[in-house]
N, C-alpha and C. Protein backbone atom coordinates (compact mmCIF):
# COMPACT_ATOMS: atom_id res chain seq x y z
N MET A 1 -143.97 25.26 204.85
CA MET A 1 -144.36 25.40 206.45
C MET A 1 -146.02 26.06 206.83
N GLN A 2 -146.78 25.21 207.04
CA GLN A 2 -147.86 26.23 207.10
C GLN A 2 -148.13 26.45 208.68
N MET A 3 -148.69 27.57 208.80
CA MET A 3 -149.47 28.11 209.84
C MET A 3 -149.75 26.87 210.89
N ASN A 4 -150.48 26.29 210.78
CA ASN A 4 -150.90 25.04 211.64
C ASN A 4 -149.87 24.34 212.14
N GLU A 5 -148.90 23.96 211.19
CA GLU A 5 -147.60 23.43 211.77
C GLU A 5 -146.91 24.13 212.67
N ILE A 6 -146.97 25.71 212.62
CA ILE A 6 -146.04 26.09 213.18
C ILE A 6 -146.66 26.56 214.66
N THR A 7 -148.13 26.58 214.77
CA THR A 7 -148.77 26.67 215.68
C THR A 7 -148.52 25.72 216.55
N ARG A 8 -149.07 24.46 216.08
CA ARG A 8 -148.60 22.95 216.78
C ARG A 8 -147.30 22.79 217.43
N TYR A 9 -146.21 23.33 216.75
CA TYR A 9 -144.72 23.30 217.45
C TYR A 9 -144.82 24.15 218.54
N LEU A 10 -145.40 25.48 218.24
CA LEU A 10 -145.39 26.31 219.40
C LEU A 10 -146.04 25.82 220.45
N ALA A 11 -147.12 24.89 220.46
CA ALA A 11 -147.90 24.35 221.49
C ALA A 11 -147.25 23.12 222.31
N GLU A 12 -146.25 22.75 221.40
CA GLU A 12 -146.24 21.40 222.00
C GLU A 12 -144.38 21.64 222.33
N MET A 13 -144.05 22.92 222.08
CA MET A 13 -142.49 22.84 222.58
C MET A 13 -142.14 22.74 223.93
N ASN A 14 -140.92 22.24 224.43
CA ASN A 14 -140.66 22.57 225.91
C ASN A 14 -139.81 23.80 226.00
N ILE A 15 -140.58 24.55 227.47
CA ILE A 15 -140.39 25.47 227.29
C ILE A 15 -138.95 25.69 228.29
N LEU A 16 -138.77 24.73 229.15
CA LEU A 16 -137.54 24.73 229.87
C LEU A 16 -136.32 24.44 229.20
N LEU A 17 -136.25 23.56 228.29
CA LEU A 17 -135.32 23.43 227.44
C LEU A 17 -134.81 24.71 226.37
N TRP A 18 -136.12 25.31 226.13
CA TRP A 18 -135.44 26.77 225.39
C TRP A 18 -134.89 27.45 226.31
N VAL A 19 -135.67 27.80 227.43
CA VAL A 19 -134.95 28.86 228.13
C VAL A 19 -133.60 28.76 229.07
N LEU A 20 -133.54 27.18 229.12
CA LEU A 20 -131.66 27.22 229.55
C LEU A 20 -130.91 27.17 228.17
N GLY A 21 -131.57 26.70 226.97
CA GLY A 21 -130.55 27.09 225.93
C GLY A 21 -130.33 28.67 225.72
N LEU A 22 -131.47 29.54 226.04
CA LEU A 22 -131.45 30.80 226.08
C LEU A 22 -130.41 31.46 226.84
N LEU A 23 -130.47 30.68 228.24
CA LEU A 23 -129.48 31.36 229.45
C LEU A 23 -127.94 31.03 229.13
N PHE A 24 -128.05 29.78 228.86
CA PHE A 24 -126.46 29.37 227.99
C PHE A 24 -126.26 30.26 227.21
N PHE A 25 -126.52 30.31 226.03
CA PHE A 25 -126.25 31.39 224.95
C PHE A 25 -125.89 32.83 225.23
N HIS A 26 -127.00 33.32 226.05
CA HIS A 26 -127.15 34.79 226.40
C HIS A 26 -126.03 35.16 227.57
N GLY A 27 -125.56 33.99 228.41
CA GLY A 27 -124.57 34.05 229.06
C GLY A 27 -123.32 33.85 228.58
N LEU A 28 -122.85 33.38 227.46
CA LEU A 28 -121.75 32.96 226.55
C LEU A 28 -121.68 34.38 225.74
N LEU A 29 -122.89 34.60 225.15
CA LEU A 29 -122.78 36.34 224.14
C LEU A 29 -122.26 37.51 225.19
N TYR A 30 -122.67 37.51 226.40
CA TYR A 30 -122.55 39.04 226.96
C TYR A 30 -121.17 38.37 227.72
N TYR A 31 -120.65 37.36 228.10
CA TYR A 31 -119.35 37.13 228.84
C TYR A 31 -118.20 37.56 227.83
N VAL A 32 -118.30 36.82 226.57
CA VAL A 32 -117.58 37.43 225.52
C VAL A 32 -117.30 38.75 224.99
N LEU A 33 -118.65 39.19 224.93
CA LEU A 33 -118.73 40.79 224.37
C LEU A 33 -117.86 41.78 225.68
N GLY A 34 -117.34 41.14 226.89
CA GLY A 34 -117.16 41.71 228.27
C GLY A 34 -117.90 42.68 228.75
N THR A 35 -119.43 42.41 228.76
CA THR A 35 -120.37 43.21 229.59
C THR A 35 -119.82 43.14 231.06
N PRO A 36 -119.43 44.23 231.28
CA PRO A 36 -119.64 44.54 233.12
C PRO A 36 -120.30 43.61 233.74
N ASN A 37 -121.28 44.11 233.67
CA ASN A 37 -122.31 42.90 234.38
C ASN A 37 -123.37 41.66 233.77
N TRP A 38 -122.33 40.81 233.03
CA TRP A 38 -122.82 40.23 232.21
C TRP A 38 -124.19 38.91 232.75
N LEU A 39 -123.84 38.76 233.83
CA LEU A 39 -124.62 37.64 234.68
C LEU A 39 -125.93 38.48 234.85
N GLY A 40 -126.03 39.77 235.16
CA GLY A 40 -127.55 40.61 235.50
C GLY A 40 -127.91 40.62 234.24
N VAL A 41 -127.41 40.88 232.75
CA VAL A 41 -127.84 41.39 231.65
C VAL A 41 -128.52 40.09 231.14
N THR A 42 -128.05 39.07 231.44
CA THR A 42 -128.08 37.47 230.88
C THR A 42 -129.35 37.23 231.20
N LEU A 43 -129.92 37.22 232.58
CA LEU A 43 -131.10 37.09 233.53
C LEU A 43 -131.96 37.85 232.89
N VAL A 44 -131.87 39.20 232.56
CA VAL A 44 -133.07 40.26 232.19
C VAL A 44 -133.51 39.67 230.54
N ALA A 45 -132.22 39.42 230.10
CA ALA A 45 -132.49 39.06 228.30
C ALA A 45 -133.34 37.71 228.21
N THR A 46 -133.03 37.14 229.37
CA THR A 46 -133.71 35.33 228.88
C THR A 46 -134.77 35.37 229.69
N GLY A 47 -135.07 36.25 230.91
CA GLY A 47 -136.49 36.68 231.43
C GLY A 47 -137.26 37.00 230.32
N VAL A 48 -136.89 38.10 229.72
CA VAL A 48 -137.38 38.59 228.58
C VAL A 48 -138.25 37.74 227.09
N TRP A 49 -136.70 36.98 226.88
CA TRP A 49 -137.34 35.79 226.05
C TRP A 49 -138.38 34.93 226.35
N ALA A 50 -138.18 34.39 227.91
CA ALA A 50 -139.05 33.62 228.22
C ALA A 50 -140.26 33.90 228.25
N ALA A 51 -140.48 34.90 228.88
CA ALA A 51 -142.36 35.67 228.89
C ALA A 51 -142.33 35.63 227.41
N GLY A 52 -142.14 36.04 226.44
CA GLY A 52 -142.27 36.02 224.82
C GLY A 52 -142.70 34.73 224.82
N LEU A 53 -141.78 33.32 224.96
CA LEU A 53 -141.98 32.09 224.71
C LEU A 53 -143.37 31.77 225.38
N ILE A 54 -143.60 32.15 226.68
CA ILE A 54 -144.56 31.64 227.47
C ILE A 54 -146.10 32.10 226.71
N ILE A 55 -146.02 33.34 226.41
CA ILE A 55 -146.94 34.12 225.79
C ILE A 55 -147.23 33.30 224.29
N LEU A 56 -146.27 33.24 223.31
CA LEU A 56 -146.53 32.46 222.19
C LEU A 56 -147.34 31.14 222.63
N LYS A 57 -146.55 30.35 223.55
CA LYS A 57 -147.12 29.04 223.67
C LYS A 57 -148.79 29.06 224.37
N ALA A 58 -148.99 30.09 225.15
CA ALA A 58 -150.58 30.06 225.30
C ALA A 58 -151.44 30.50 224.18
N VAL A 59 -150.82 31.13 223.70
CA VAL A 59 -152.01 31.84 222.48
C VAL A 59 -151.65 30.56 221.46
N SER A 60 -150.69 30.03 220.90
CA SER A 60 -151.04 29.01 220.30
C SER A 60 -151.72 27.51 220.56
N LYS A 61 -151.97 27.37 222.14
CA LYS A 61 -152.57 26.22 222.47
C LYS A 61 -154.14 26.72 222.43
N ALA A 62 -154.25 27.81 222.70
CA ALA A 62 -155.85 28.41 222.60
C ALA A 62 -156.47 28.51 220.82
N ARG A 63 -155.47 28.71 220.47
CA ARG A 63 -155.81 28.95 218.76
C ARG A 63 -156.18 27.22 218.16
N LEU A 64 -155.36 26.37 218.84
CA LEU A 64 -155.24 24.90 218.68
C LEU A 64 -156.81 24.20 219.22
N LYS A 65 -156.85 24.79 220.20
CA LYS A 65 -158.16 24.28 220.97
C LYS A 65 -159.31 25.14 220.11
N GLU A 66 -159.24 25.97 219.76
CA GLU A 66 -160.25 26.82 218.78
C GLU A 66 -160.71 26.39 217.72
N ASN A 67 -159.55 25.70 216.81
CA ASN A 67 -159.99 25.41 215.67
C ASN A 67 -160.23 23.67 215.87
N ALA A 68 -160.10 22.92 216.69
CA ALA A 68 -160.38 21.60 216.97
C ALA A 68 -161.67 21.24 216.90
């Protein structure tokens, strides 16, 4: 897989679906691990990942626009 393909995938990915999937799996993980405040930890962890994905998507869109 070339870097251009990864950049294109990141630019076109659906952030909402990714965040919902992350929310579900983080919730499941922290609940199964028995974390006392699993809901709060789930929301914080999902927020961090969502911010990272949004930044990656913005950078990849800018790179595609620059190379076009």
